[in-house]
N, C-alpha and C. Protein backbone atom coordinates (compact mmCIF):
# COMPACT_ATOMS: atom_id res chain seq x y z
N MET A 1 102.47 86.89 71.69
CA MET A 1 101.13 86.47 72.05
C MET A 1 101.22 85.44 73.17
N VAL A 2 100.41 85.60 74.18
CA VAL A 2 100.41 84.69 75.31
C VAL A 2 99.38 83.60 75.07
N ASP A 3 99.78 82.36 75.24
CA ASP A 3 98.89 81.22 75.04
C ASP A 3 98.12 80.96 76.33
N ALA A 4 96.80 81.11 76.29
CA ALA A 4 95.97 80.93 77.48
C ALA A 4 96.08 79.52 78.03
N ARG A 5 96.45 78.56 77.20
CA ARG A 5 96.57 77.18 77.67
C ARG A 5 97.69 77.01 78.68
N THR A 6 98.60 77.99 78.72
CA THR A 6 99.69 77.93 79.69
C THR A 6 99.12 77.92 81.11
N TYR A 7 97.98 78.54 81.29
CA TYR A 7 97.35 78.66 82.61
C TYR A 7 96.08 77.81 82.58
N ASP A 8 96.15 76.62 83.15
CA ASP A 8 95.02 75.70 83.05
C ASP A 8 93.79 76.22 83.79
N GLU A 9 92.65 75.66 83.45
CA GLU A 9 91.38 76.13 83.99
C GLU A 9 91.29 75.98 85.50
N SER A 10 91.92 74.99 86.06
CA SER A 10 91.79 74.77 87.50
C SER A 10 92.69 75.70 88.30
N GLY A 11 93.68 76.26 87.66
CA GLY A 11 94.65 77.08 88.39
C GLY A 11 95.70 76.17 89.00
N TYR A 12 96.92 76.42 88.68
CA TYR A 12 98.04 75.56 89.08
C TYR A 12 98.05 75.30 90.59
N TRP A 13 97.86 76.35 91.39
CA TRP A 13 97.98 76.21 92.84
C TRP A 13 96.66 75.90 93.53
N TYR A 14 95.57 75.91 92.79
CA TYR A 14 94.26 75.87 93.44
C TYR A 14 93.36 74.76 92.90
N PRO A 15 93.81 73.51 92.87
CA PRO A 15 93.01 72.46 92.23
C PRO A 15 91.73 72.10 92.98
N ASP A 16 91.63 72.41 94.26
CA ASP A 16 90.48 71.98 95.04
C ASP A 16 89.43 73.07 95.23
N ARG A 17 89.56 74.17 94.55
CA ARG A 17 88.61 75.26 94.72
C ARG A 17 87.24 74.85 94.19
N ALA A 18 86.19 75.14 94.97
CA ALA A 18 84.83 74.84 94.53
C ALA A 18 84.42 75.79 93.41
N THR A 19 84.84 77.03 93.52
CA THR A 19 84.52 78.01 92.48
C THR A 19 85.80 78.42 91.79
N LYS A 20 85.71 78.62 90.50
CA LYS A 20 86.90 78.96 89.73
C LYS A 20 87.02 80.47 89.47
N THR A 21 86.06 81.25 89.94
CA THR A 21 86.03 82.68 89.62
C THR A 21 87.34 83.37 90.01
N GLY A 22 87.77 83.22 91.25
CA GLY A 22 89.01 83.85 91.69
C GLY A 22 90.22 83.33 90.94
N VAL A 23 90.24 82.03 90.69
CA VAL A 23 91.34 81.42 89.96
C VAL A 23 91.38 81.96 88.53
N GLU A 24 90.21 82.08 87.91
CA GLU A 24 90.15 82.61 86.55
C GLU A 24 90.70 84.03 86.50
N LEU A 25 90.37 84.83 87.52
CA LEU A 25 90.88 86.20 87.57
C LEU A 25 92.40 86.20 87.74
N LEU A 26 92.91 85.37 88.63
CA LEU A 26 94.36 85.30 88.81
C LEU A 26 95.06 84.81 87.55
N ASN A 27 94.46 83.85 86.85
CA ASN A 27 95.04 83.38 85.59
C ASN A 27 95.02 84.47 84.53
N ALA A 28 93.93 85.24 84.46
CA ALA A 28 93.87 86.37 83.52
C ALA A 28 94.96 87.38 83.85
N MET A 29 95.18 87.61 85.13
CA MET A 29 96.22 88.53 85.55
C MET A 29 97.60 88.01 85.16
N ARG A 30 97.81 86.71 85.31
CA ARG A 30 99.09 86.12 84.90
C ARG A 30 99.30 86.25 83.40
N ARG A 31 98.24 86.06 82.62
CA ARG A 31 98.36 86.22 81.16
C ARG A 31 98.70 87.67 80.82
N TYR A 32 98.06 88.61 81.52
CA TYR A 32 98.37 90.02 81.31
C TYR A 32 99.85 90.28 81.63
N ARG A 33 100.30 89.79 82.77
CA ARG A 33 101.69 90.02 83.18
C ARG A 33 102.67 89.43 82.16
N SER A 34 102.39 88.24 81.66
CA SER A 34 103.25 87.64 80.63
C SER A 34 103.26 88.49 79.37
N ALA A 35 102.09 88.98 78.96
CA ALA A 35 102.01 89.82 77.77
C ALA A 35 102.76 91.13 77.99
N GLU A 36 102.64 91.71 79.19
CA GLU A 36 103.33 92.96 79.49
C GLU A 36 104.84 92.76 79.47
N VAL A 37 105.31 91.69 80.08
CA VAL A 37 106.76 91.41 80.10
C VAL A 37 107.27 91.25 78.67
N ALA A 38 106.52 90.53 77.83
CA ALA A 38 106.93 90.32 76.44
C ALA A 38 106.95 91.64 75.67
N MET A 39 105.94 92.50 75.90
CA MET A 39 105.89 93.80 75.22
C MET A 39 107.07 94.67 75.64
N ARG A 40 107.36 94.70 76.93
CA ARG A 40 108.49 95.51 77.41
C ARG A 40 109.82 94.97 76.86
N GLN A 41 109.94 93.67 76.76
CA GLN A 41 111.15 93.08 76.18
C GLN A 41 111.30 93.48 74.72
N ARG A 42 110.21 93.44 73.96
CA ARG A 42 110.26 93.86 72.54
C ARG A 42 110.66 95.33 72.44
N THR A 43 110.12 96.16 73.32
CA THR A 43 110.47 97.58 73.31
C THR A 43 111.94 97.77 73.60
N ARG A 44 112.44 97.09 74.64
CA ARG A 44 113.87 97.20 74.97
C ARG A 44 114.74 96.69 73.83
N ASP A 45 114.33 95.59 73.20
CA ASP A 45 115.09 95.05 72.08
C ASP A 45 115.15 96.04 70.93
N THR A 46 114.01 96.65 70.61
CA THR A 46 113.96 97.63 69.52
C THR A 46 114.84 98.83 69.84
N MET A 47 114.81 99.27 71.09
CA MET A 47 115.62 100.42 71.49
C MET A 47 117.06 100.02 71.81
N GLN A 48 117.35 98.72 71.78
CA GLN A 48 118.66 98.19 72.11
C GLN A 48 119.09 98.60 73.52
N LEU A 49 118.16 98.40 74.47
CA LEU A 49 118.40 98.73 75.87
C LEU A 49 118.15 97.51 76.74
N GLY A 50 118.95 97.38 77.79
CA GLY A 50 118.69 96.35 78.79
C GLY A 50 117.66 96.86 79.78
N PRO A 51 117.22 96.01 80.70
CA PRO A 51 116.20 96.42 81.67
C PRO A 51 116.62 97.62 82.52
N THR A 52 117.87 97.65 82.98
CA THR A 52 118.34 98.77 83.80
C THR A 52 118.42 100.04 82.97
N ASP A 53 118.87 99.91 81.72
CA ASP A 53 118.95 101.06 80.82
C ASP A 53 117.56 101.66 80.62
N MET A 54 116.57 100.79 80.38
CA MET A 54 115.21 101.26 80.15
C MET A 54 114.64 101.91 81.41
N ALA A 55 114.93 101.33 82.57
CA ALA A 55 114.47 101.93 83.83
C ALA A 55 115.09 103.31 84.03
N ALA A 56 116.35 103.46 83.64
CA ALA A 56 117.01 104.76 83.75
C ALA A 56 116.37 105.78 82.82
N VAL A 57 116.12 105.40 81.58
CA VAL A 57 115.48 106.31 80.62
C VAL A 57 114.12 106.73 81.14
N ARG A 58 113.33 105.76 81.62
CA ARG A 58 112.00 106.06 82.14
C ARG A 58 112.08 107.03 83.32
N PHE A 59 113.02 106.80 84.24
CA PHE A 59 113.20 107.67 85.40
C PHE A 59 113.57 109.08 84.97
N LEU A 60 114.48 109.19 84.01
CA LEU A 60 114.91 110.51 83.54
C LEU A 60 113.81 111.22 82.76
N LEU A 61 113.00 110.48 82.02
CA LEU A 61 111.86 111.09 81.33
C LEU A 61 110.84 111.62 82.34
N GLN A 62 110.60 110.87 83.40
CA GLN A 62 109.67 111.33 84.43
C GLN A 62 110.21 112.58 85.12
N ALA A 63 111.51 112.60 85.40
CA ALA A 63 112.12 113.77 86.03
C ALA A 63 112.00 114.98 85.11
N ARG A 64 112.24 114.78 83.83
CA ARG A 64 112.13 115.88 82.86
C ARG A 64 110.71 116.42 82.83
N GLN A 65 109.73 115.51 82.86
CA GLN A 65 108.33 115.93 82.84
C GLN A 65 107.98 116.74 84.09
N ARG A 66 108.55 116.37 85.23
CA ARG A 66 108.29 117.10 86.48
C ARG A 66 109.11 118.38 86.58
N GLY A 67 110.10 118.53 85.72
CA GLY A 67 110.98 119.69 85.78
C GLY A 67 112.02 119.59 86.88
N THR A 68 112.38 118.36 87.27
CA THR A 68 113.40 118.17 88.29
C THR A 68 114.70 117.71 87.65
N VAL A 69 115.79 117.94 88.36
CA VAL A 69 117.10 117.56 87.84
C VAL A 69 117.55 116.26 88.50
N VAL A 70 118.37 115.51 87.78
CA VAL A 70 118.89 114.25 88.29
C VAL A 70 120.40 114.25 88.14
N LYS A 71 121.07 114.01 89.25
CA LYS A 71 122.51 113.83 89.23
C LYS A 71 122.79 112.33 89.11
N PRO A 72 123.99 111.97 88.67
CA PRO A 72 124.32 110.55 88.57
C PRO A 72 124.11 109.78 89.88
N THR A 73 124.41 110.42 91.01
CA THR A 73 124.21 109.73 92.29
C THR A 73 122.73 109.47 92.56
N GLY A 74 121.87 110.38 92.13
CA GLY A 74 120.42 110.17 92.28
C GLY A 74 119.93 109.03 91.41
N LEU A 75 120.47 108.94 90.20
CA LEU A 75 120.10 107.84 89.31
C LEU A 75 120.58 106.51 89.90
N ALA A 76 121.80 106.50 90.41
CA ALA A 76 122.35 105.28 91.02
C ALA A 76 121.48 104.83 92.20
N ALA A 77 121.07 105.78 93.03
CA ALA A 77 120.23 105.44 94.18
C ALA A 77 118.88 104.90 93.73
N HIS A 78 118.29 105.53 92.73
CA HIS A 78 116.99 105.07 92.23
C HIS A 78 117.07 103.65 91.68
N LEU A 79 118.12 103.37 90.94
CA LEU A 79 118.27 102.06 90.30
C LEU A 79 118.87 101.00 91.23
N GLY A 80 119.46 101.46 92.35
CA GLY A 80 120.09 100.52 93.27
C GLY A 80 121.36 99.92 92.71
N ILE A 81 122.13 100.75 91.98
CA ILE A 81 123.39 100.28 91.39
C ILE A 81 124.53 101.15 91.89
N THR A 82 125.75 100.69 91.69
CA THR A 82 126.93 101.44 92.13
C THR A 82 127.16 102.64 91.22
N THR A 83 127.97 103.57 91.71
CA THR A 83 128.31 104.73 90.88
C THR A 83 129.14 104.30 89.67
N ALA A 84 129.97 103.26 89.83
CA ALA A 84 130.75 102.76 88.69
C ALA A 84 129.81 102.20 87.61
N SER A 85 128.81 101.45 88.03
CA SER A 85 127.83 100.93 87.06
C SER A 85 127.04 102.06 86.43
N THR A 86 126.76 103.10 87.22
CA THR A 86 126.03 104.25 86.69
C THR A 86 126.85 104.95 85.62
N THR A 87 128.15 105.07 85.83
CA THR A 87 129.02 105.71 84.84
C THR A 87 128.94 104.96 83.51
N ALA A 88 129.04 103.65 83.56
CA ALA A 88 128.96 102.84 82.33
C ALA A 88 127.58 102.96 81.70
N LEU A 89 126.54 102.95 82.51
CA LEU A 89 125.17 103.08 82.03
C LEU A 89 124.97 104.42 81.32
N VAL A 90 125.42 105.49 81.94
CA VAL A 90 125.27 106.83 81.35
C VAL A 90 126.02 106.92 80.03
N LYS A 91 127.21 106.35 79.96
CA LYS A 91 127.97 106.36 78.69
C LYS A 91 127.18 105.68 77.58
N ARG A 92 126.55 104.54 77.89
CA ARG A 92 125.74 103.83 76.88
C ARG A 92 124.55 104.68 76.45
N LEU A 93 123.86 105.28 77.40
CA LEU A 93 122.66 106.05 77.08
C LEU A 93 122.99 107.32 76.32
N VAL A 94 124.11 107.94 76.64
CA VAL A 94 124.56 109.12 75.90
C VAL A 94 124.92 108.72 74.47
N ALA A 95 125.67 107.64 74.32
CA ALA A 95 126.08 107.17 72.99
C ALA A 95 124.86 106.81 72.13
N ALA A 96 123.81 106.30 72.76
CA ALA A 96 122.60 105.92 72.02
C ALA A 96 121.70 107.12 71.73
N GLY A 97 122.01 108.27 72.33
CA GLY A 97 121.22 109.47 72.08
C GLY A 97 119.98 109.59 72.95
N HIS A 98 119.87 108.78 74.01
CA HIS A 98 118.70 108.83 74.88
C HIS A 98 118.86 109.81 76.04
N VAL A 99 120.12 110.13 76.38
CA VAL A 99 120.41 110.97 77.53
C VAL A 99 121.54 111.92 77.15
N GLU A 100 121.52 113.10 77.76
CA GLU A 100 122.67 114.00 77.60
C GLU A 100 123.12 114.47 78.97
N ARG A 101 124.41 114.77 79.03
CA ARG A 101 124.99 115.33 80.25
C ARG A 101 124.98 116.85 80.10
N GLN A 102 124.58 117.52 81.16
CA GLN A 102 124.63 118.98 81.19
C GLN A 102 125.42 119.39 82.42
N THR A 103 126.24 120.41 82.27
CA THR A 103 127.02 120.89 83.41
C THR A 103 126.07 121.35 84.51
N ASP A 104 126.38 120.96 85.73
CA ASP A 104 125.56 121.34 86.88
C ASP A 104 125.84 122.81 87.18
N PRO A 105 124.85 123.69 87.00
CA PRO A 105 125.09 125.12 87.22
C PRO A 105 125.37 125.46 88.68
N SER A 106 125.01 124.57 89.60
CA SER A 106 125.21 124.88 91.02
C SER A 106 126.66 124.70 91.46
N ASP A 107 127.44 123.88 90.74
CA ASP A 107 128.84 123.74 91.14
C ASP A 107 129.83 123.80 89.97
N GLY A 108 129.36 123.67 88.74
CA GLY A 108 130.23 123.80 87.58
C GLY A 108 131.14 122.61 87.32
N ARG A 109 131.28 121.71 88.28
CA ARG A 109 132.16 120.56 88.08
C ARG A 109 131.37 119.30 87.76
N GLY A 110 130.29 119.09 88.47
CA GLY A 110 129.48 117.90 88.25
C GLY A 110 128.58 118.09 87.04
N PHE A 111 127.77 117.10 86.79
CA PHE A 111 126.83 117.25 85.69
C PHE A 111 125.48 116.65 86.05
N LEU A 112 124.49 117.05 85.28
CA LEU A 112 123.12 116.58 85.42
C LEU A 112 122.80 115.68 84.26
N LEU A 113 121.89 114.76 84.47
CA LEU A 113 121.46 113.85 83.41
C LEU A 113 120.06 114.26 82.96
N VAL A 114 119.90 114.40 81.65
CA VAL A 114 118.62 114.84 81.10
C VAL A 114 118.24 113.92 79.95
N ALA A 115 117.01 113.44 79.99
CA ALA A 115 116.51 112.63 78.87
C ALA A 115 116.38 113.53 77.65
N THR A 116 116.75 113.02 76.50
CA THR A 116 116.69 113.79 75.26
C THR A 116 115.33 113.66 74.60
N ASP A 117 115.06 114.54 73.65
CA ASP A 117 113.84 114.42 72.85
C ASP A 117 113.84 113.09 72.10
N ASN A 118 115.03 112.67 71.64
CA ASN A 118 115.14 111.39 70.94
C ASN A 118 114.68 110.24 71.83
N GLY A 119 115.14 110.23 73.07
CA GLY A 119 114.73 109.18 74.00
C GLY A 119 113.23 109.21 74.24
N ASP A 120 112.69 110.42 74.41
CA ASP A 120 111.26 110.58 74.63
C ASP A 120 110.47 110.11 73.42
N ASP A 121 110.89 110.55 72.23
CA ASP A 121 110.19 110.17 71.00
C ASP A 121 110.22 108.66 70.78
N THR A 122 111.36 108.05 71.05
CA THR A 122 111.49 106.61 70.84
C THR A 122 110.58 105.84 71.78
N VAL A 123 110.58 106.21 73.05
CA VAL A 123 109.71 105.53 74.02
C VAL A 123 108.25 105.74 73.63
N ARG A 124 107.89 106.98 73.30
CA ARG A 124 106.49 107.26 72.95
C ARG A 124 106.06 106.51 71.69
N SER A 125 106.94 106.40 70.72
CA SER A 125 106.56 105.70 69.48
C SER A 125 106.26 104.23 69.74
N HIS A 126 106.89 103.67 70.76
CA HIS A 126 106.67 102.26 71.08
C HIS A 126 105.51 102.04 72.04
N LEU A 127 105.25 102.99 72.93
CA LEU A 127 104.32 102.73 74.02
C LEU A 127 103.03 103.54 73.99
N THR A 128 102.94 104.58 73.18
CA THR A 128 101.74 105.41 73.19
C THR A 128 100.49 104.62 72.84
N GLY A 129 100.55 103.79 71.82
CA GLY A 129 99.38 103.01 71.41
C GLY A 129 98.91 102.05 72.48
N VAL A 130 99.84 101.32 73.06
CA VAL A 130 99.46 100.35 74.09
C VAL A 130 98.93 101.06 75.33
N HIS A 131 99.52 102.18 75.70
CA HIS A 131 99.03 102.92 76.86
C HIS A 131 97.63 103.47 76.60
N ALA A 132 97.37 103.94 75.39
CA ALA A 132 96.03 104.44 75.05
C ALA A 132 95.00 103.32 75.16
N ARG A 133 95.35 102.13 74.70
CA ARG A 133 94.42 100.99 74.81
C ARG A 133 94.21 100.59 76.26
N MET A 134 95.24 100.67 77.08
CA MET A 134 95.10 100.34 78.49
C MET A 134 94.18 101.34 79.20
N ILE A 135 94.36 102.62 78.91
CA ILE A 135 93.50 103.65 79.52
C ILE A 135 92.07 103.48 79.05
N ALA A 136 91.88 103.19 77.76
CA ALA A 136 90.53 102.98 77.23
C ALA A 136 89.86 101.80 77.93
N ALA A 137 90.59 100.73 78.16
CA ALA A 137 90.03 99.57 78.86
C ALA A 137 89.64 99.95 80.29
N ALA A 138 90.49 100.70 80.97
CA ALA A 138 90.19 101.11 82.34
C ALA A 138 89.01 102.09 82.38
N ASP A 139 88.94 102.97 81.39
CA ASP A 139 87.85 103.96 81.35
C ASP A 139 86.48 103.32 81.15
N ARG A 140 86.44 102.10 80.62
CA ARG A 140 85.16 101.42 80.42
C ARG A 140 84.60 100.84 81.72
N LEU A 141 85.38 100.80 82.76
CA LEU A 141 84.94 100.21 84.03
C LEU A 141 84.11 101.20 84.83
N SER A 142 83.16 100.67 85.58
CA SER A 142 82.33 101.52 86.45
C SER A 142 83.15 101.98 87.65
N ALA A 143 82.66 103.01 88.32
CA ALA A 143 83.34 103.52 89.51
C ALA A 143 83.41 102.44 90.58
N THR A 144 82.35 101.65 90.72
CA THR A 144 82.33 100.57 91.71
C THR A 144 83.38 99.52 91.38
N THR A 145 83.45 99.14 90.11
CA THR A 145 84.44 98.14 89.70
C THR A 145 85.85 98.66 89.91
N LEU A 146 86.08 99.93 89.59
CA LEU A 146 87.41 100.52 89.81
C LEU A 146 87.79 100.47 91.29
N THR A 147 86.83 100.79 92.16
CA THR A 147 87.10 100.75 93.60
C THR A 147 87.43 99.33 94.04
N GLU A 148 86.63 98.37 93.59
CA GLU A 148 86.88 96.97 93.94
C GLU A 148 88.22 96.48 93.40
N MET A 149 88.52 96.84 92.16
CA MET A 149 89.78 96.39 91.56
C MET A 149 90.97 97.04 92.25
N SER A 150 90.84 98.31 92.62
CA SER A 150 91.93 98.97 93.33
C SER A 150 92.20 98.27 94.65
N ALA A 151 91.14 97.92 95.38
CA ALA A 151 91.30 97.19 96.64
C ALA A 151 91.94 95.82 96.39
N PHE A 152 91.50 95.15 95.34
CA PHE A 152 92.04 93.85 94.97
C PHE A 152 93.54 93.95 94.71
N PHE A 153 93.96 94.93 93.90
CA PHE A 153 95.38 95.07 93.59
C PHE A 153 96.19 95.50 94.80
N GLU A 154 95.60 96.30 95.68
CA GLU A 154 96.29 96.66 96.93
C GLU A 154 96.52 95.42 97.78
N ASP A 155 95.50 94.54 97.86
CA ASP A 155 95.65 93.30 98.61
C ASP A 155 96.73 92.41 98.00
N LEU A 156 96.75 92.31 96.67
CA LEU A 156 97.78 91.49 96.01
C LEU A 156 99.17 92.08 96.22
N THR A 157 99.26 93.40 96.15
CA THR A 157 100.55 94.07 96.37
C THR A 157 101.04 93.79 97.79
N ALA A 158 100.14 93.89 98.76
CA ALA A 158 100.52 93.59 100.15
C ALA A 158 100.98 92.14 100.28
N ALA A 159 100.28 91.23 99.62
CA ALA A 159 100.68 89.81 99.68
C ALA A 159 102.07 89.62 99.10
N MET A 160 102.36 90.27 97.97
CA MET A 160 103.69 90.15 97.35
C MET A 160 104.75 90.78 98.24
N ASP A 161 104.45 91.96 98.80
CA ASP A 161 105.41 92.63 99.68
C ASP A 161 105.70 91.78 100.91
N GLU A 162 104.65 91.20 101.49
CA GLU A 162 104.83 90.36 102.67
C GLU A 162 105.65 89.12 102.33
N ALA A 163 105.38 88.52 101.19
CA ALA A 163 106.13 87.33 100.78
C ALA A 163 107.60 87.67 100.54
N ALA A 164 107.85 88.85 99.99
CA ALA A 164 109.23 89.27 99.70
C ALA A 164 110.02 89.54 100.98
N THR A 165 109.33 90.02 102.02
CA THR A 165 110.02 90.35 103.27
C THR A 165 109.96 89.23 104.29
N GLY A 166 109.11 88.24 104.03
CA GLY A 166 108.95 87.15 104.99
C GLY A 166 107.99 87.48 106.11
N ASP A 167 107.35 88.66 106.05
CA ASP A 167 106.41 89.08 107.08
C ASP A 167 104.99 88.71 106.69
N VAL A 168 104.75 87.45 106.42
CA VAL A 168 103.44 87.00 105.98
C VAL A 168 102.47 87.03 107.16
N VAL A 169 101.34 87.69 106.94
CA VAL A 169 100.31 87.82 107.96
C VAL A 169 99.13 86.96 107.54
N PRO A 170 98.71 85.98 108.37
CA PRO A 170 97.56 85.16 108.00
C PRO A 170 96.32 86.02 107.81
N ASP A 171 95.45 85.61 106.88
CA ASP A 171 94.24 86.38 106.58
C ASP A 171 93.42 86.66 107.83
N ASP A 172 93.30 85.70 108.73
CA ASP A 172 92.45 85.90 109.91
C ASP A 172 93.11 86.81 110.95
N ALA A 173 94.36 87.17 110.76
CA ALA A 173 95.05 88.05 111.69
C ALA A 173 95.12 89.49 111.20
N ARG A 174 94.52 89.76 110.06
CA ARG A 174 94.59 91.11 109.50
C ARG A 174 93.70 92.09 110.25
N GLY A 175 92.69 91.61 110.90
CA GLY A 175 91.86 92.47 111.74
C GLY A 175 90.93 93.37 110.98
N ALA A 176 90.58 94.47 111.63
CA ALA A 176 89.55 95.37 111.10
C ALA A 176 89.99 96.09 109.85
N GLY A 177 91.27 96.09 109.54
CA GLY A 177 91.73 96.78 108.34
C GLY A 177 91.34 96.10 107.05
N ALA A 178 90.96 94.84 107.13
CA ALA A 178 90.58 94.10 105.92
C ALA A 178 89.21 94.55 105.46
N VAL A 179 89.06 94.64 104.16
CA VAL A 179 87.79 95.05 103.57
C VAL A 179 87.24 93.88 102.77
N ALA A 180 86.01 93.51 103.07
CA ALA A 180 85.37 92.42 102.33
C ALA A 180 84.74 92.99 101.08
N LEU A 181 85.01 92.38 99.96
CA LEU A 181 84.41 92.80 98.70
C LEU A 181 83.20 91.93 98.43
N PRO A 182 82.16 92.50 97.82
CA PRO A 182 80.98 91.69 97.52
C PRO A 182 81.32 90.60 96.52
N ALA A 183 80.71 89.43 96.71
CA ALA A 183 80.93 88.31 95.79
C ALA A 183 80.09 88.53 94.55
N HIS A 184 80.67 88.22 93.40
CA HIS A 184 79.96 88.33 92.12
C HIS A 184 79.86 86.95 91.52
N HIS A 185 78.68 86.57 91.10
CA HIS A 185 78.50 85.24 90.51
C HIS A 185 78.01 85.36 89.11
């Protein structure tokens, strides 16, 4: 459970704001992010998986759902890890029953990685309820609110991406591409 008092009413970075509406939204988002991180940690703990292991299982489950195959090199590239680390990762996931190796029919020497039903069932048993509640919350929003929120999250994503790369663009230099959202009071 996330304690709302962790995020004070004024907003840590924004003490001089005349209106608290934007700060309140950012604080609500921070509380959501903290709750999400804690939920994902509990899921990984229950499944006895580290963050990279869980990312690998999720990637392989998505590939299975799309009907695509994944080779160890593809998994390594997706996760941004070495092939040696991938070998150790695959051994752990196979031993835990979340992944199986299948001989690659295209060359007979290599192998493909496939998420197992066990891995799928375990992930679904932990996340189906929370995902259903998240979709239900989103489905209650109006089309206008969804459009505004999508633009809001795109702007935040761009801000995070710019901060990560050091390519920060001042708000007044964004030009015609910026979209003004109506103020709500």
